[in-house]
Amino acid sequence: MQAFAASSRLSYDYLVICSGMTAYTAVAEPHRRQILDLLRARERSVGELVGRIGLSQPGVSKHLKVLRDAGLVDVRPDGKQRWYGLRAQPLAELDEWLLPYREYWSGRLDALETHLEENP
């Protein structure tokens, strides 16, 4: 237990178990997806996210907390400012889960294309 307490970072799995929030639940909300889209390019402050998204500062902070609890973003304090950055691992897990659905739809669209070509 001491080794766990001494660890400076909690694992993603531990965060999800304790918070009850999953990456799937977190990305279901459009503003949170918008925040993730903005964080793809680089770290951003809450103030910058507020300006880009058009929500209030408390609203953006609430969404960032959900994203942090789901393990999708990290926060880095720098003096009085906090910088938020994207964590790739949970998103890779989402991508892996979506793969069979992409394959399913790709096959269905290929079949539609073939049908349309054969029946002009």
Protein backbone atom coordinates (compact mmCIF):
# COMPACT_ATOMS: atom_id res chain seq x y z
CA MET A 1 0.00 0.00 0.00
CA GLN A 2 2.91 2.36 0.68
CA ALA A 3 4.16 1.93 -2.88
CA PHE A 4 0.74 2.95 -4.13
CA ALA A 5 0.60 5.97 -1.82
CA ALA A 6 4.09 7.01 -2.89
CA SER A 7 3.13 6.95 -6.54
CA SER A 8 2.89 10.46 -7.95
CA ARG A 9 0.25 9.48 -10.52
CA LEU A 10 -2.85 7.35 -10.27
CA SER A 11 -3.45 4.85 -13.02
CA TYR A 12 -6.25 5.46 -15.50
CA ASP A 13 -8.09 2.32 -14.34
CA TYR A 14 -8.02 3.48 -10.73
CA LEU A 15 -9.41 6.89 -11.71
CA VAL A 16 -12.30 5.35 -13.63
CA ILE A 17 -13.18 2.94 -10.81
CA CYS A 18 -13.13 5.67 -8.16
CA SER A 19 -14.95 8.34 -10.13
CA GLY A 20 -17.51 6.10 -11.80
CA MET A 21 -16.96 8.17 -14.96
CA THR A 22 -15.86 6.43 -18.09
CA ALA A 23 -14.39 7.87 -21.26
CA TYR A 24 -17.55 6.75 -23.05
CA THR A 25 -19.76 8.77 -20.73
CA ALA A 26 -17.46 11.78 -20.82
CA VAL A 27 -17.37 12.07 -24.62
CA ALA A 28 -21.15 11.77 -24.89
CA GLU A 29 -21.53 15.50 -24.16
CA PRO A 30 -20.87 17.85 -27.13
CA HIS A 31 -19.05 20.57 -25.15
CA ARG A 32 -16.63 18.01 -23.75
CA ARG A 33 -15.94 16.73 -27.27
CA GLN A 34 -15.30 20.32 -28.31
CA ILE A 35 -12.80 20.73 -25.45
CA LEU A 36 -11.03 17.52 -26.50
CA ASP A 37 -10.88 18.79 -30.10
CA LEU A 38 -9.20 21.99 -28.89
CA LEU A 39 -6.73 20.08 -26.72
CA ARG A 40 -5.62 17.96 -29.68
CA ALA A 41 -3.45 20.80 -30.93
CA ARG A 42 -1.81 21.76 -27.61
CA GLU A 43 -2.30 22.41 -23.93
CA ARG A 44 -4.73 25.21 -23.15
CA SER A 45 -5.76 27.23 -20.11
CA VAL A 46 -9.32 27.44 -18.83
CA GLY A 47 -9.47 31.08 -19.97
CA GLU A 48 -8.51 30.14 -23.51
CA LEU A 49 -11.08 27.34 -23.58
CA VAL A 50 -13.76 29.74 -22.31
CA GLY A 51 -12.97 32.12 -25.17
CA ARG A 52 -13.02 29.39 -27.79
CA ILE A 53 -16.12 27.49 -26.63
CA GLY A 54 -18.32 30.34 -25.47
CA LEU A 55 -19.31 28.80 -22.14
CA SER A 56 -18.85 30.47 -18.77
CA GLN A 57 -15.68 29.77 -16.78
CA PRO A 58 -17.58 27.64 -14.23
CA GLY A 59 -19.17 25.69 -17.10
CA VAL A 60 -15.82 24.95 -18.74
CA SER A 61 -14.31 24.04 -15.36
CA LYS A 62 -17.17 21.61 -14.72
CA HIS A 63 -16.57 19.90 -18.07
CA LEU A 64 -12.81 19.77 -17.43
CA LYS A 65 -13.42 18.07 -14.09
CA VAL A 66 -15.52 15.40 -15.79
CA LEU A 67 -12.79 14.90 -18.42
CA ARG A 68 -10.12 14.71 -15.70
CA ASP A 69 -12.17 12.23 -13.67
CA ALA A 70 -12.53 10.06 -16.80
CA GLY A 71 -8.77 10.20 -17.33
CA LEU A 72 -9.06 12.00 -20.68
CA VAL A 73 -7.13 15.13 -19.70
CA ASP A 74 -4.23 16.01 -17.43
CA VAL A 75 -3.75 19.30 -15.64
CA ARG A 76 -0.35 20.96 -15.19
CA PRO A 77 -0.10 23.83 -12.71
CA ASP A 78 2.19 26.69 -13.75
CA GLY A 79 2.16 29.43 -11.13
CA LYS A 80 -1.42 30.63 -10.83
CA GLN A 81 -2.39 29.16 -14.19
CA ARG A 82 -3.43 25.59 -14.91
CA TRP A 83 -2.79 24.03 -18.31
CA TYR A 84 -4.96 21.20 -19.59
CA GLY A 85 -3.67 18.60 -22.02
CA LEU A 86 -5.03 15.54 -23.76
CA ARG A 87 -4.29 12.00 -22.55
CA ALA A 88 -4.11 9.62 -25.49
CA GLN A 89 -4.54 6.22 -23.79
CA PRO A 90 -8.28 6.41 -22.96
CA LEU A 91 -8.97 7.72 -26.47
CA ALA A 92 -7.05 4.79 -27.96
CA GLU A 93 -9.32 2.49 -25.96
CA LEU A 94 -12.38 4.26 -27.39
CA ASP A 95 -10.94 3.90 -30.88
CA GLU A 96 -10.38 0.18 -30.32
CA TRP A 97 -13.96 -0.24 -29.14
CA LEU A 98 -15.31 1.63 -32.20
CA LEU A 99 -13.28 -0.43 -34.73
CA PRO A 100 -15.89 -3.21 -35.24
CA TYR A 101 -18.58 -0.58 -35.83
CA ARG A 102 -16.46 1.20 -38.43
CA GLU A 103 -15.85 -2.14 -40.15
CA TYR A 104 -19.57 -2.91 -40.05
CA TRP A 105 -20.53 0.42 -41.63
CA SER A 106 -17.73 0.24 -44.15
CA GLY A 107 -19.04 -3.13 -45.34
CA ARG A 108 -22.61 -1.84 -45.49
CA LEU A 109 -21.59 1.23 -47.48
CA ASP A 110 -19.52 -0.92 -49.88
CA ALA A 111 -22.59 -3.10 -50.45
CA LEU A 112 -24.71 -0.02 -51.12
CA GLU A 113 -22.14 1.29 -53.59
CA THR A 114 -22.11 -2.05 -55.41
CA HIS A 115 -25.91 -2.11 -55.53
CA LEU A 116 -26.08 1.42 -56.91
CA GLU A 117 -23.47 0.65 -59.56
CA GLU A 118 -25.36 -2.48 -60.67
CA ASN A 119 -28.76 -0.74 -60.66
CA PRO A 120 -28.31 2.74 -62.11
